[in-house]
């Protein structure tokens, strides 16, 4: 067995706030990933999970990972709105990548 001694790693403290720039392309990929990730569950179950997560803590790894991704996307949407970078489009005009 290998013993690790005197090894240092860089970590970000949980209470640290980090400013980053996110492109619209990455935001689109994140939202598509959430859609694909959610498709692991029947739509009724996924919808019920989303509703429950509004008021309750995640119950399993799937829900924990989902809420992590949703938190990131919500933060991006709030910043984009505050910066005036959100535009309205008809849903039928969206360029949605095929999975």
N, C-alpha and C. Protein backbone atom coordinates (compact mmCIF):
# COMPACT_ATOMS: atom_id res chain seq x y z
N UNK A 1 0.85 -1.17 0.00
CA UNK A 1 0.00 0.00 0.00
C UNK A 1 0.89 1.24 0.00
N UNK A 2 0.57 2.20 -0.87
CA UNK A 2 1.33 3.43 -0.96
C UNK A 2 0.87 4.41 0.10
N UNK A 3 1.82 5.00 0.78
CA UNK A 3 1.50 5.98 1.81
C UNK A 3 1.77 7.37 1.26
N UNK A 4 0.79 8.27 1.41
CA UNK A 4 0.93 9.64 0.93
C UNK A 4 1.33 10.51 2.11
N UNK A 5 2.45 11.19 1.97
CA UNK A 5 2.90 12.09 3.02
C UNK A 5 3.27 13.43 2.43
N UNK A 6 3.05 14.47 3.19
CA UNK A 6 3.42 15.83 2.78
C UNK A 6 2.91 16.21 1.40
N UNK A 7 1.70 15.81 1.08
CA UNK A 7 1.10 16.16 -0.20
C UNK A 7 0.09 17.27 0.02
N UNK A 8 0.18 18.28 -0.78
CA UNK A 8 -0.75 19.40 -0.69
C UNK A 8 -1.56 19.48 -1.97
N UNK A 9 -2.82 19.82 -1.82
CA UNK A 9 -3.69 20.01 -2.97
C UNK A 9 -4.41 21.35 -2.82
N UNK A 10 -4.79 21.92 -3.93
CA UNK A 10 -5.56 23.16 -3.91
C UNK A 10 -7.03 22.82 -3.77
N UNK A 11 -7.71 23.49 -2.87
CA UNK A 11 -9.14 23.28 -2.66
C UNK A 11 -9.84 24.63 -2.60
N UNK A 12 -11.11 24.62 -2.88
CA UNK A 12 -11.93 25.83 -2.76
C UNK A 12 -12.82 25.63 -1.55
N UNK A 13 -12.70 26.50 -0.55
CA UNK A 13 -13.56 26.36 0.64
C UNK A 13 -15.03 26.45 0.25
N UNK A 14 -15.89 25.70 0.93
CA UNK A 14 -17.31 25.68 0.59
C UNK A 14 -17.99 27.05 0.63
N UNK A 15 -17.48 27.96 1.44
CA UNK A 15 -18.12 29.27 1.55
C UNK A 15 -17.50 30.32 0.62
N UNK A 16 -16.55 29.92 -0.23
CA UNK A 16 -15.93 30.85 -1.17
C UNK A 16 -16.90 31.21 -2.29
N UNK A 17 -16.87 32.45 -2.73
CA UNK A 17 -17.67 32.92 -3.87
C UNK A 17 -16.71 33.16 -5.03
N UNK A 18 -17.01 32.60 -6.20
CA UNK A 18 -16.12 32.68 -7.35
C UNK A 18 -16.84 33.34 -8.51
N UNK A 19 -16.22 34.33 -9.11
CA UNK A 19 -16.77 34.99 -10.29
C UNK A 19 -16.15 34.37 -11.54
N UNK A 20 -17.01 33.88 -12.45
CA UNK A 20 -16.53 33.31 -13.71
C UNK A 20 -17.39 33.82 -14.85
N UNK A 21 -16.87 33.72 -16.05
CA UNK A 21 -17.61 34.09 -17.24
C UNK A 21 -18.06 32.79 -17.92
N UNK A 22 -19.35 32.71 -18.22
CA UNK A 22 -19.91 31.52 -18.87
C UNK A 22 -20.52 31.94 -20.21
N UNK A 23 -20.16 31.24 -21.25
CA UNK A 23 -20.74 31.53 -22.56
C UNK A 23 -22.11 30.89 -22.71
N UNK A 24 -22.92 31.45 -23.59
CA UNK A 24 -24.25 30.91 -23.86
C UNK A 24 -24.20 29.48 -24.36
N UNK A 25 -23.14 29.13 -25.06
CA UNK A 25 -23.00 27.76 -25.56
C UNK A 25 -22.87 26.76 -24.42
N UNK A 26 -22.07 27.09 -23.41
CA UNK A 26 -21.92 26.20 -22.27
C UNK A 26 -23.23 26.11 -21.50
N UNK A 27 -23.92 27.23 -21.34
CA UNK A 27 -25.21 27.23 -20.68
C UNK A 27 -26.17 26.28 -21.42
N UNK A 28 -26.20 26.35 -22.74
CA UNK A 28 -27.05 25.47 -23.54
C UNK A 28 -26.70 24.01 -23.34
N UNK A 29 -25.41 23.72 -23.27
CA UNK A 29 -24.97 22.34 -23.06
C UNK A 29 -25.38 21.86 -21.67
N UNK A 30 -25.30 22.73 -20.66
CA UNK A 30 -25.71 22.35 -19.31
C UNK A 30 -27.21 22.04 -19.26
N UNK A 31 -28.01 22.89 -19.88
CA UNK A 31 -29.45 22.65 -19.85
C UNK A 31 -29.81 21.38 -20.63
N UNK A 32 -29.11 21.12 -21.72
CA UNK A 32 -29.34 19.88 -22.47
C UNK A 32 -28.93 18.68 -21.64
N UNK A 33 -27.83 18.81 -20.90
CA UNK A 33 -27.38 17.72 -20.04
C UNK A 33 -28.42 17.41 -18.96
N UNK A 34 -29.00 18.45 -18.38
CA UNK A 34 -30.04 18.24 -17.37
C UNK A 34 -31.22 17.49 -17.98
N UNK A 35 -31.61 17.88 -19.19
CA UNK A 35 -32.71 17.20 -19.87
C UNK A 35 -32.37 15.73 -20.10
N UNK A 36 -31.17 15.47 -20.59
CA UNK A 36 -30.74 14.09 -20.84
C UNK A 36 -30.62 13.31 -19.53
N UNK A 37 -30.07 13.94 -18.52
CA UNK A 37 -29.91 13.32 -17.20
C UNK A 37 -31.28 12.95 -16.63
N UNK A 38 -32.23 13.87 -16.77
CA UNK A 38 -33.57 13.64 -16.26
C UNK A 38 -34.31 12.54 -16.99
N UNK A 39 -33.91 12.28 -18.24
CA UNK A 39 -34.62 11.26 -19.03
C UNK A 39 -34.35 9.85 -18.51
N UNK A 40 -33.50 9.72 -17.50
CA UNK A 40 -33.28 8.41 -16.87
C UNK A 40 -34.53 7.97 -16.10
N UNK A 41 -35.40 8.94 -15.81
CA UNK A 41 -36.62 8.67 -15.04
C UNK A 41 -37.82 8.93 -15.93
N UNK A 42 -38.95 8.24 -15.68
CA UNK A 42 -40.18 8.58 -16.40
C UNK A 42 -40.54 10.05 -16.14
N UNK A 43 -41.13 10.72 -17.12
CA UNK A 43 -41.41 12.15 -17.02
C UNK A 43 -42.22 12.50 -15.78
N UNK A 44 -43.18 11.66 -15.41
CA UNK A 44 -44.00 11.95 -14.23
C UNK A 44 -43.14 11.93 -12.96
N UNK A 45 -42.25 10.95 -12.87
CA UNK A 45 -41.38 10.85 -11.70
C UNK A 45 -40.40 12.02 -11.66
N UNK A 46 -39.83 12.37 -12.82
CA UNK A 46 -38.88 13.48 -12.89
C UNK A 46 -39.56 14.79 -12.48
N UNK A 47 -40.76 15.01 -12.96
CA UNK A 47 -41.52 16.22 -12.60
C UNK A 47 -41.80 16.24 -11.11
N UNK A 48 -42.17 15.11 -10.54
CA UNK A 48 -42.43 15.02 -9.10
C UNK A 48 -41.16 15.31 -8.29
N UNK A 49 -40.03 14.83 -8.76
CA UNK A 49 -38.75 15.09 -8.09
C UNK A 49 -38.46 16.58 -8.11
N UNK A 50 -38.63 17.22 -9.27
CA UNK A 50 -38.37 18.66 -9.36
C UNK A 50 -39.26 19.45 -8.40
N UNK A 51 -40.52 19.07 -8.31
CA UNK A 51 -41.45 19.76 -7.40
C UNK A 51 -41.01 19.56 -5.94
N UNK A 52 -40.67 18.33 -5.59
CA UNK A 52 -40.28 18.03 -4.22
C UNK A 52 -38.99 18.74 -3.83
N UNK A 53 -38.04 18.85 -4.78
CA UNK A 53 -36.76 19.50 -4.49
C UNK A 53 -36.90 21.00 -4.21
N UNK A 54 -38.05 21.57 -4.54
CA UNK A 54 -38.29 22.99 -4.22
C UNK A 54 -38.38 23.20 -2.71
N UNK A 55 -38.77 22.15 -1.97
CA UNK A 55 -39.00 22.30 -0.53
C UNK A 55 -38.26 21.28 0.33
N UNK A 56 -37.71 20.24 -0.30
CA UNK A 56 -37.07 19.18 0.47
C UNK A 56 -35.64 18.94 -0.02
N UNK A 57 -34.83 18.36 0.85
CA UNK A 57 -33.46 18.00 0.50
C UNK A 57 -33.45 16.77 -0.41
N UNK A 58 -32.41 16.63 -1.23
CA UNK A 58 -32.29 15.44 -2.08
C UNK A 58 -32.26 14.17 -1.24
N UNK A 59 -32.84 13.09 -1.80
CA UNK A 59 -32.92 11.82 -1.07
C UNK A 59 -31.93 10.77 -1.55
N UNK A 60 -31.34 10.97 -2.73
CA UNK A 60 -30.42 9.97 -3.26
C UNK A 60 -29.41 10.66 -4.18
N UNK A 61 -28.39 9.93 -4.66
CA UNK A 61 -27.37 10.55 -5.51
C UNK A 61 -27.94 11.21 -6.77
N UNK A 62 -28.93 10.59 -7.40
CA UNK A 62 -29.54 11.20 -8.59
C UNK A 62 -30.06 12.59 -8.26
N UNK A 63 -30.82 12.71 -7.18
CA UNK A 63 -31.41 14.00 -6.80
C UNK A 63 -30.33 15.00 -6.36
N UNK A 64 -29.32 14.52 -5.68
CA UNK A 64 -28.21 15.38 -5.25
C UNK A 64 -27.50 15.98 -6.47
N UNK A 65 -27.21 15.15 -7.45
CA UNK A 65 -26.52 15.64 -8.66
C UNK A 65 -27.43 16.57 -9.46
N UNK A 66 -28.70 16.23 -9.52
CA UNK A 66 -29.66 17.07 -10.23
C UNK A 66 -29.74 18.46 -9.60
N UNK A 67 -29.85 18.53 -8.29
CA UNK A 67 -29.96 19.84 -7.62
C UNK A 67 -28.67 20.64 -7.77
N UNK A 68 -27.54 19.95 -7.83
CA UNK A 68 -26.26 20.63 -8.06
C UNK A 68 -26.26 21.31 -9.43
N UNK A 69 -26.66 20.57 -10.45
CA UNK A 69 -26.71 21.13 -11.80
C UNK A 69 -27.74 22.25 -11.91
N UNK A 70 -28.92 22.04 -11.32
CA UNK A 70 -29.96 23.06 -11.37
C UNK A 70 -29.52 24.34 -10.67
N UNK A 71 -28.81 24.21 -9.56
CA UNK A 71 -28.32 25.39 -8.84
C UNK A 71 -27.37 26.20 -9.72
N UNK A 72 -26.50 25.52 -10.44
CA UNK A 72 -25.57 26.20 -11.35
C UNK A 72 -26.33 26.91 -12.47
N UNK A 73 -27.28 26.22 -13.08
CA UNK A 73 -28.04 26.81 -14.18
C UNK A 73 -28.86 28.01 -13.70
N UNK A 74 -29.48 27.89 -12.54
CA UNK A 74 -30.26 29.01 -11.99
C UNK A 74 -29.37 30.22 -11.74
N UNK A 75 -28.19 29.99 -11.20
CA UNK A 75 -27.24 31.10 -10.96
C UNK A 75 -26.85 31.77 -12.28
N UNK A 76 -26.60 30.97 -13.30
CA UNK A 76 -26.25 31.52 -14.62
C UNK A 76 -27.42 32.34 -15.16
N UNK A 77 -28.64 31.82 -15.05
CA UNK A 77 -29.82 32.54 -15.55
C UNK A 77 -30.03 33.86 -14.81
N UNK A 78 -29.84 33.86 -13.50
CA UNK A 78 -30.01 35.09 -12.73
C UNK A 78 -28.99 36.15 -13.13
N UNK A 79 -27.74 35.74 -13.31
CA UNK A 79 -26.68 36.69 -13.72
C UNK A 79 -26.94 37.19 -15.13
N UNK A 80 -27.33 36.30 -16.03
CA UNK A 80 -27.60 36.70 -17.42
C UNK A 80 -28.76 37.69 -17.48
N UNK A 81 -29.80 37.46 -16.68
CA UNK A 81 -30.94 38.37 -16.64
C UNK A 81 -30.51 39.73 -16.11
N UNK A 82 -29.75 39.73 -15.02
CA UNK A 82 -29.30 40.99 -14.41
C UNK A 82 -28.40 41.78 -15.37
N UNK A 83 -27.68 41.08 -16.23
CA UNK A 83 -26.78 41.74 -17.18
C UNK A 83 -27.45 42.05 -18.51
N UNK A 84 -28.76 41.78 -18.62
CA UNK A 84 -29.49 42.08 -19.85
C UNK A 84 -29.11 41.21 -21.03
N UNK A 85 -28.69 39.99 -20.76
CA UNK A 85 -28.23 39.11 -21.84
C UNK A 85 -29.21 38.00 -22.18
N UNK A 86 -30.44 38.12 -21.67
CA UNK A 86 -31.47 37.12 -21.95
C UNK A 86 -32.39 37.66 -23.03
N UNK A 87 -32.68 36.84 -24.02
CA UNK A 87 -33.62 37.22 -25.07
C UNK A 87 -34.77 36.21 -25.08
N UNK A 88 -35.93 36.63 -25.56
CA UNK A 88 -37.08 35.75 -25.64
C UNK A 88 -37.17 35.17 -27.04
N UNK A 89 -37.41 33.86 -27.14
CA UNK A 89 -37.57 33.18 -28.42
C UNK A 89 -38.78 32.27 -28.33
N UNK A 90 -39.42 32.07 -29.45
CA UNK A 90 -40.50 31.08 -29.51
C UNK A 90 -39.86 29.71 -29.39
N UNK A 91 -40.48 28.84 -28.61
CA UNK A 91 -39.89 27.52 -28.35
C UNK A 91 -39.66 26.73 -29.62
N UNK A 92 -40.49 26.93 -30.64
CA UNK A 92 -40.31 26.18 -31.89
C UNK A 92 -39.11 26.66 -32.68
N UNK A 93 -38.56 27.83 -32.33
CA UNK A 93 -37.40 28.38 -33.03
C UNK A 93 -36.08 28.05 -32.34
N UNK A 94 -36.13 27.32 -31.23
CA UNK A 94 -34.90 26.98 -30.51
C UNK A 94 -34.09 25.96 -31.26
N UNK A 95 -32.80 26.14 -31.26
CA UNK A 95 -31.87 25.19 -31.87
C UNK A 95 -31.43 24.21 -30.79
N UNK A 96 -32.16 23.11 -30.66
CA UNK A 96 -31.89 22.13 -29.61
C UNK A 96 -31.07 20.99 -30.21
N UNK A 97 -29.87 20.74 -29.63
CA UNK A 97 -29.05 19.64 -30.17
C UNK A 97 -29.72 18.29 -29.96
N UNK A 98 -29.51 17.40 -30.87
CA UNK A 98 -30.04 16.04 -30.77
C UNK A 98 -29.10 15.24 -29.86
N UNK A 99 -29.69 14.47 -28.97
CA UNK A 99 -28.87 13.65 -28.04
C UNK A 99 -28.32 12.44 -28.74
